[in-house]
Amino acid sequence: MSDWVRACAIDDIEPEDVIRFDHDGRTFAIYRSPDNEFHATDGYCTHEEAHLAEGMVFDDVIMCPKHNGRFHYKTGEALGAPVLDDLAVYPVRIDNGSVYVDIG
């Protein structure tokens, strides 16, 4: 079942950046790629639960701020130690200048 929730305005995220989005006791990371596509994943690293929004984004990769684990944020794929478990990814849509995430 879909549960679309407004996460932010598109202007709240710079290209090649990430922001934190909290909703209903859950934390998500919202990304804007260098080519202005928007993506969403779980907000915590699967290794030791650091907030990914505090990490660095380069190309299609988010680097965890705690131990430099890396994920491909478009697919959630863990890209090597210390992270071994993939991130959950969520559908995103843009409507009237806002970013919506399907957290269902």
Foldseek 3Di string as FASTA:
>chain_A
DWDKDFFWFLVVADEQAWDWGDDPRFIKIWHQHNVGDIWIWGQAAPQPGAGQNPFGGDHQWGFGPPPRWIARRRCQHTDDPPGDDGIGIWDWDDDPRTIITGPD
